[in-house]
PDB file of all heavy atoms in Angstrom:
ATOM      1  N   ARG A   1       0.868  -1.182  -0.051  1.00  0.00           N
ATOM      2  CA  ARG A   1       0.017  -0.011   0.063  1.00  0.00           C
ATOM      3  C   ARG A   1       0.901   1.257  -0.023  1.00  0.00           C
ATOM      4  O   ARG A   1       1.855   1.345   0.728  1.00  0.00           O
ATOM      5  CB  ARG A   1      -0.908  -0.069   1.232  1.00  0.00           C
ATOM      6  CG  ARG A   1      -1.895   1.209   1.187  1.00  0.00           C
ATOM      7  CD  ARG A   1      -2.960   1.050   2.328  1.00  0.00           C
ATOM      8  NE  ARG A   1      -2.323   1.263   3.548  1.00  0.00           N
ATOM      9  CZ  ARG A   1      -3.079   1.480   4.629  1.00  0.00           C
ATOM     10  NH1 ARG A   1      -4.280   1.390   4.742  1.00  0.00           N
ATOM     11  NH2 ARG A   1      -2.442   1.653   5.874  1.00  0.00           N
ATOM     12  N   ARG A   2       0.437   2.279  -0.908  1.00  0.00           N
ATOM     13  CA  ARG A   2       1.285   3.550  -0.911  1.00  0.00           C
ATOM     14  C   ARG A   2       0.605   4.485   0.117  1.00  0.00           C
ATOM     15  O   ARG A   2      -0.605   4.732   0.038  1.00  0.00           O
ATOM     16  CB  ARG A   2       1.200   4.120  -2.316  1.00  0.00           C
ATOM     17  CG  ARG A   2       2.006   5.208  -2.551  1.00  0.00           C
ATOM     18  CD  ARG A   2       2.301   5.459  -4.056  1.00  0.00           C
ATOM     19  NE  ARG A   2       2.797   4.423  -4.758  1.00  0.00           N
ATOM     20  CZ  ARG A   2       4.193   4.162  -4.906  1.00  0.00           C
ATOM     21  NH1 ARG A   2       5.026   4.843  -4.320  1.00  0.00           N
ATOM     22  NH2 ARG A   2       4.570   2.944  -5.569  1.00  0.00           N
ATOM     23  N   LEU A   3       1.285   5.284   0.716  1.00  0.00           N
ATOM     24  CA  LEU A   3       0.840   6.170   1.854  1.00  0.00           C
ATOM     25  C   LEU A   3       1.801   7.249   2.190  1.00  0.00           C
ATOM     26  O   LEU A   3       2.980   7.155   1.932  1.00  0.00           O
ATOM     27  CB  LEU A   3       0.349   5.415   3.063  1.00  0.00           C
ATOM     28  CG  LEU A   3       1.405   4.598   3.808  1.00  0.00           C
ATOM     29  CD1 LEU A   3       2.365   5.372   4.673  1.00  0.00           C
ATOM     30  CD2 LEU A   3       0.481   3.567   4.683  1.00  0.00           C
ATOM     31  N   ASN A   4       1.328   8.250   2.909  1.00  0.00           N
ATOM     32  CA  ASN A   4       2.225   9.348   3.415  1.00  0.00           C
ATOM     33  C   ASN A   4       2.310   9.201   4.873  1.00  0.00           C
ATOM     34  O   ASN A   4       1.329   8.715   5.536  1.00  0.00           O
ATOM     35  CB  ASN A   4       1.609  10.668   2.949  1.00  0.00           C
ATOM     36  CG  ASN A   4       1.665  11.001   1.481  1.00  0.00           C
ATOM     37  OD1 ASN A   4       2.560  10.440   0.803  1.00  0.00           O
ATOM     38  ND2 ASN A   4       0.720  11.676   0.896  1.00  0.00           N
ATOM     39  N   LEU A   5       3.346   9.607   5.421  1.00  0.00           N
ATOM     40  CA  LEU A   5       3.563   9.722   6.835  1.00  0.00           C
ATOM     41  C   LEU A   5       2.872  11.114   7.338  1.00  0.00           C
ATOM     42  O   LEU A   5       3.011  12.085   6.602  1.00  0.00           O
ATOM     43  CB  LEU A   5       5.034   9.606   7.281  1.00  0.00           C
ATOM     44  CG  LEU A   5       5.611   8.397   6.758  1.00  0.00           C
ATOM     45  CD1 LEU A   5       7.169   8.435   7.160  1.00  0.00           C
ATOM     46  CD2 LEU A   5       4.972   7.086   7.224  1.00  0.00           C
ATOM     47  N   PRO A   6       2.471  11.206   8.544  1.00  0.00           N
ATOM     48  CA  PRO A   6       2.432  10.099   9.543  1.00  0.00           C
ATOM     49  C   PRO A   6       1.482   9.093   9.277  1.00  0.00           C
ATOM     50  O   PRO A   6       0.261   9.302   8.619  1.00  0.00           O
ATOM     51  CB  PRO A   6       2.004  10.898  10.946  1.00  0.00           C
ATOM     52  CG  PRO A   6       1.224  12.033  10.358  1.00  0.00           C
ATOM     53  CD  PRO A   6       1.843  12.404   8.936  1.00  0.00           C
ATOM     54  N   HIS A   7       1.661   7.880   9.871  1.00  0.00           N
ATOM     55  CA  HIS A   7       0.804   6.816   9.756  1.00  0.00           C
ATOM     56  C   HIS A   7       0.824   5.996  10.918  1.00  0.00           C
ATOM     57  O   HIS A   7       1.851   5.675  11.476  1.00  0.00           O
ATOM     58  CB  HIS A   7       1.169   5.981   8.480  1.00  0.00           C
ATOM     59  CG  HIS A   7       0.358   4.770   8.209  1.00  0.00           C
ATOM     60  ND1 HIS A   7       0.851   3.519   8.445  1.00  0.00           N
ATOM     61  CD2 HIS A   7      -0.930   4.627   7.888  1.00  0.00           C
ATOM     62  CE1 HIS A   7      -0.109   2.564   8.201  1.00  0.00           C
ATOM     63  NE2 HIS A   7      -1.179   3.280   7.830  1.00  0.00           N
ATOM     64  N   ASP A   8      -0.284   5.407  11.256  1.00  0.00           N
ATOM     65  CA  ASP A   8      -0.385   4.604  12.533  1.00  0.00           C
ATOM     66  C   ASP A   8      -1.288   3.430  12.134  1.00  0.00           C
ATOM     67  O   ASP A   8      -2.514   3.545  12.282  1.00  0.00           O
ATOM     68  CB  ASP A   8      -0.899   5.265  13.688  1.00  0.00           C
ATOM     69  CG  ASP A   8      -0.915   4.384  14.923  1.00  0.00           C
ATOM     70  OD1 ASP A   8      -0.707   3.193  14.932  1.00  0.00           O
ATOM     71  OD2 ASP A   8      -1.138   4.975  16.100  1.00  0.00           O
ATOM     72  N   TRP A   9      -0.637   2.347  11.709  1.00  0.00           N
ATOM     73  CA  TRP A   9      -1.513   1.207  11.165  1.00  0.00           C
ATOM     74  C   TRP A   9      -2.291   0.483  12.212  1.00  0.00           C
ATOM     75  O   TRP A   9      -3.413  -0.115  11.958  1.00  0.00           O
ATOM     76  CB  TRP A   9      -0.721   0.133  10.398  1.00  0.00           C
ATOM     77  CG  TRP A   9       0.420  -0.529  11.326  1.00  0.00           C
ATOM     78  CD1 TRP A   9       1.723  -0.160  11.300  1.00  0.00           C
ATOM     79  CD2 TRP A   9       0.220  -1.642  12.128  1.00  0.00           C
ATOM     80  NE1 TRP A   9       2.351  -0.982  12.121  1.00  0.00           N
ATOM     81  CE2 TRP A   9       1.546  -1.972  12.578  1.00  0.00           C
ATOM     82  CE3 TRP A   9      -0.813  -2.497  12.443  1.00  0.00           C
ATOM     83  CZ2 TRP A   9       1.727  -3.060  13.463  1.00  0.00           C
ATOM     84  CZ3 TRP A   9      -0.625  -3.499  13.313  1.00  0.00           C
ATOM     85  CH2 TRP A   9       0.572  -3.742  13.768  1.00  0.00           C
ATOM     86  N   ALA A  10      -1.956   0.593  13.466  1.00  0.00           N
ATOM     87  CA  ALA A  10      -2.625  -0.099  14.648  1.00  0.00           C
ATOM     88  C   ALA A  10      -3.990   0.323  14.768  1.00  0.00           C
ATOM     89  O   ALA A  10      -4.902  -0.297  15.016  1.00  0.00           O
ATOM     90  CB  ALA A  10      -1.826  -0.022  15.897  1.00  0.00           C
ATOM     91  N   ILE A  11      -4.170   1.762  14.585  1.00  0.00           N
ATOM     92  CA  ILE A  11      -5.609   2.282  14.881  1.00  0.00           C
ATOM     93  C   ILE A  11      -6.508   1.908  13.708  1.00  0.00           C
ATOM     94  O   ILE A  11      -7.719   2.221  13.815  1.00  0.00           O
ATOM     95  CB  ILE A  11      -5.477   3.778  15.037  1.00  0.00           C
ATOM     96  CG1 ILE A  11      -5.030   4.500  13.843  1.00  0.00           C
ATOM     97  CG2 ILE A  11      -4.680   4.177  16.296  1.00  0.00           C
ATOM     98  CD1 ILE A  11      -5.125   6.052  13.928  1.00  0.00           C
ATOM     99  N   GLU A  12      -6.048   1.245  12.662  1.00  0.00           N
ATOM    100  CA  GLU A  12      -6.936   0.905  11.426  1.00  0.00           C
ATOM    101  C   GLU A  12      -7.574  -0.458  11.979  1.00  0.00           C
ATOM    102  O   GLU A  12      -8.515  -0.915  11.293  1.00  0.00           O
ATOM    103  CB  GLU A  12      -6.088   0.663  10.296  1.00  0.00           C
ATOM    104  CG  GLU A  12      -5.640   1.998   9.746  1.00  0.00           C
ATOM    105  CD  GLU A  12      -4.607   1.775   8.522  1.00  0.00           C
ATOM    106  OE1 GLU A  12      -4.208   0.659   8.249  1.00  0.00           O
ATOM    107  OE2 GLU A  12      -4.281   2.835   7.944  1.00  0.00           O
ATOM    108  N   GLY A  13      -7.038  -1.158  12.926  1.00  0.00           N
ATOM    109  CA  GLY A  13      -7.688  -2.429  13.332  1.00  0.00           C
ATOM    110  C   GLY A  13      -8.785  -2.160  14.305  1.00  0.00           C
ATOM    111  O   GLY A  13      -9.171  -1.058  14.673  1.00  0.00           O
ATOM    112  N   ASP A  14      -9.412  -3.308  14.543  1.00  0.00           N
ATOM    113  CA  ASP A  14     -10.743  -3.288  15.555  1.00  0.00           C
ATOM    114  C   ASP A  14     -10.156  -3.432  17.039  1.00  0.00           C
ATOM    115  O   ASP A  14      -9.181  -4.034  17.482  1.00  0.00           O
ATOM    116  CB  ASP A  14     -11.471  -4.650  15.303  1.00  0.00           C
ATOM    117  CG  ASP A  14     -12.193  -4.459  13.981  1.00  0.00           C
ATOM    118  OD1 ASP A  14     -12.441  -3.427  13.523  1.00  0.00           O
ATOM    119  OD2 ASP A  14     -12.363  -5.606  13.333  1.00  0.00           O
ATOM    120  N   PHE A  15     -10.843  -2.613  17.855  1.00  0.00           N
ATOM    121  CA  PHE A  15     -10.641  -2.527  19.311  1.00  0.00           C
ATOM    122  C   PHE A  15     -11.144  -3.882  19.900  1.00  0.00           C
ATOM    123  O   PHE A  15     -12.369  -4.169  19.664  1.00  0.00           O
ATOM    124  CB  PHE A  15     -11.159  -1.379  19.885  1.00  0.00           C
ATOM    125  CG  PHE A  15     -10.494  -0.063  19.570  1.00  0.00           C
ATOM    126  CD1 PHE A  15     -10.990   0.718  18.468  1.00  0.00           C
ATOM    127  CD2 PHE A  15      -9.555   0.438  20.399  1.00  0.00           C
ATOM    128  CE1 PHE A  15     -10.404   1.864  18.105  1.00  0.00           C
ATOM    129  CE2 PHE A  15      -8.856   1.593  20.036  1.00  0.00           C
ATOM    130  CZ  PHE A  15      -9.379   2.332  18.914  1.00  0.00           C
ATOM    131  N   SER A  16     -10.406  -4.502  20.726  1.00  0.00           N
ATOM    132  CA  SER A  16     -10.791  -5.617  21.347  1.00  0.00           C
ATOM    133  C   SER A  16      -9.958  -6.091  22.513  1.00  0.00           C
ATOM    134  O   SER A  16      -8.714  -5.964  22.480  1.00  0.00           O
ATOM    135  CB  SER A  16     -10.901  -6.829  20.513  1.00  0.00           C
ATOM    136  OG  SER A  16     -11.158  -8.080  21.197  1.00  0.00           O
ATOM    137  N   ASP A  17     -10.644  -6.201  23.706  1.00  0.00           N
ATOM    138  CA  ASP A  17      -9.769  -6.674  24.919  1.00  0.00           C
ATOM    139  C   ASP A  17      -9.029  -8.006  24.682  1.00  0.00           C
ATOM    140  O   ASP A  17      -8.119  -8.348  25.324  1.00  0.00           O
ATOM    141  CB  ASP A  17     -10.690  -6.838  26.003  1.00  0.00           C
ATOM    142  CG  ASP A  17     -11.287  -5.669  26.725  1.00  0.00           C
ATOM    143  OD1 ASP A  17     -10.644  -4.593  26.362  1.00  0.00           O
ATOM    144  OD2 ASP A  17     -12.199  -5.676  27.342  1.00  0.00           O
ATOM    145  N   ALA A  18      -9.484  -8.727  23.569  1.00  0.00           N
ATOM    146  CA  ALA A  18      -8.741 -10.018  23.234  1.00  0.00           C
ATOM    147  C   ALA A  18      -7.479  -9.834  22.305  1.00  0.00           C
ATOM    148  O   ALA A  18      -6.845 -10.784  22.272  1.00  0.00           O
ATOM    149  CB  ALA A  18      -9.825 -10.916  22.530  1.00  0.00           C
ATOM    150  N   ASN A  19      -7.304  -8.616  21.892  1.00  0.00           N
ATOM    151  CA  ASN A  19      -6.103  -8.413  21.143  1.00  0.00           C
ATOM    152  C   ASN A  19      -4.802  -8.620  22.018  1.00  0.00           C
ATOM    153  O   ASN A  19      -5.043  -8.366  23.330  1.00  0.00           O
ATOM    154  CB  ASN A  19      -6.145  -6.895  20.639  1.00  0.00           C
ATOM    155  CG  ASN A  19      -6.959  -6.874  19.321  1.00  0.00           C
ATOM    156  OD1 ASN A  19      -7.061  -7.842  18.618  1.00  0.00           O
ATOM    157  ND2 ASN A  19      -7.375  -5.764  19.121  1.00  0.00           N
ATOM    158  N   PRO A  20      -3.787  -8.929  21.494  1.00  0.00           N
ATOM    159  CA  PRO A  20      -2.515  -9.123  22.320  1.00  0.00           C
ATOM    160  C   PRO A  20      -2.073  -7.925  23.207  1.00  0.00           C
ATOM    161  O   PRO A  20      -1.497  -8.086  24.266  1.00  0.00           O
ATOM    162  CB  PRO A  20      -1.437  -9.439  21.368  1.00  0.00           C
ATOM    163  CG  PRO A  20      -2.167  -9.984  20.112  1.00  0.00           C
ATOM    164  CD  PRO A  20      -3.509  -9.138  20.091  1.00  0.00           C
ATOM    165  N   SER A  21      -2.500  -6.780  22.849  1.00  0.00           N
ATOM    166  CA  SER A  21      -2.127  -5.565  23.661  1.00  0.00           C
ATOM    167  C   SER A  21      -2.922  -5.474  24.880  1.00  0.00           C
ATOM    168  O   SER A  21      -2.574  -4.769  25.813  1.00  0.00           O
ATOM    169  CB  SER A  21      -2.168  -4.281  22.780  1.00  0.00           C
ATOM    170  OG  SER A  21      -3.551  -4.044  22.409  1.00  0.00           O
ATOM    171  N   GLY A  22      -4.213  -6.084  24.801  1.00  0.00           N
ATOM    172  CA  GLY A  22      -5.112  -6.053  26.070  1.00  0.00           C
ATOM    173  C   GLY A  22      -5.555  -4.621  26.278  1.00  0.00           C
ATOM    174  O   GLY A  22      -5.194  -3.549  25.500  1.00  0.00           O
ATOM    175  N   ALA A  23      -6.434  -4.334  27.130  1.00  0.00           N
ATOM    176  CA  ALA A  23      -6.913  -2.978  27.450  1.00  0.00           C
ATOM    177  C   ALA A  23      -5.764  -2.074  27.848  1.00  0.00           C
ATOM    178  O   ALA A  23      -5.890  -0.875  27.482  1.00  0.00           O
ATOM    179  CB  ALA A  23      -7.930  -3.129  28.656  1.00  0.00           C
ATOM    180  N   GLY A  24      -4.759  -2.523  28.413  1.00  0.00           N
ATOM    181  CA  GLY A  24      -3.622  -1.606  28.886  1.00  0.00           C
ATOM    182  C   GLY A  24      -2.824  -1.016  27.595  1.00  0.00           C
ATOM    183  O   GLY A  24      -2.182  -0.068  27.887  1.00  0.00           O
ATOM    184  N   GLY A  25      -2.943  -1.786  26.593  1.00  0.00           N
ATOM    185  CA  GLY A  25      -2.243  -1.274  25.351  1.00  0.00           C
ATOM    186  C   GLY A  25      -3.113  -0.731  24.300  1.00  0.00           C
ATOM    187  O   GLY A  25      -2.883  -0.651  23.061  1.00  0.00           O
ATOM    188  N   GLY A  26      -4.386  -0.213  24.875  1.00  0.00           N
ATOM    189  CA  GLY A  26      -5.272   0.388  24.017  1.00  0.00           C
ATOM    190  C   GLY A  26      -6.205  -0.642  23.288  1.00  0.00           C
ATOM    191  O   GLY A  26      -7.045  -0.188  22.340  1.00  0.00           O
ATOM    192  N   ALA A  27      -6.075  -1.822  23.606  1.00  0.00           N
ATOM    193  CA  ALA A  27      -6.943  -2.945  22.993  1.00  0.00           C
ATOM    194  C   ALA A  27      -6.897  -3.032  21.354  1.00  0.00           C
ATOM    195  O   ALA A  27      -7.835  -3.441  20.801  1.00  0.00           O
ATOM    196  CB  ALA A  27      -8.401  -2.871  23.436  1.00  0.00           C
ATOM    197  N   LEU A  28      -5.703  -2.635  20.839  1.00  0.00           N
ATOM    198  CA  LEU A  28      -5.552  -2.646  19.432  1.00  0.00           C
ATOM    199  C   LEU A  28      -4.770  -3.742  18.985  1.00  0.00           C
ATOM    200  O   LEU A  28      -3.994  -4.379  19.915  1.00  0.00           O
ATOM    201  CB  LEU A  28      -4.867  -1.303  19.016  1.00  0.00           C
ATOM    202  CG  LEU A  28      -5.696  -0.025  19.103  1.00  0.00           C
ATOM    203  CD1 LEU A  28      -4.827   1.189  18.945  1.00  0.00           C
ATOM    204  CD2 LEU A  28      -6.827  -0.068  18.022  1.00  0.00           C
TER     205      LEU A  28
END
């Protein structure tokens, strides 16, 4: 994918407590 910075790919995902980051990592 072509893009410009700044970019934060994690916020494009779904929020979930089940994500490896958990609630303490923003659930991303």
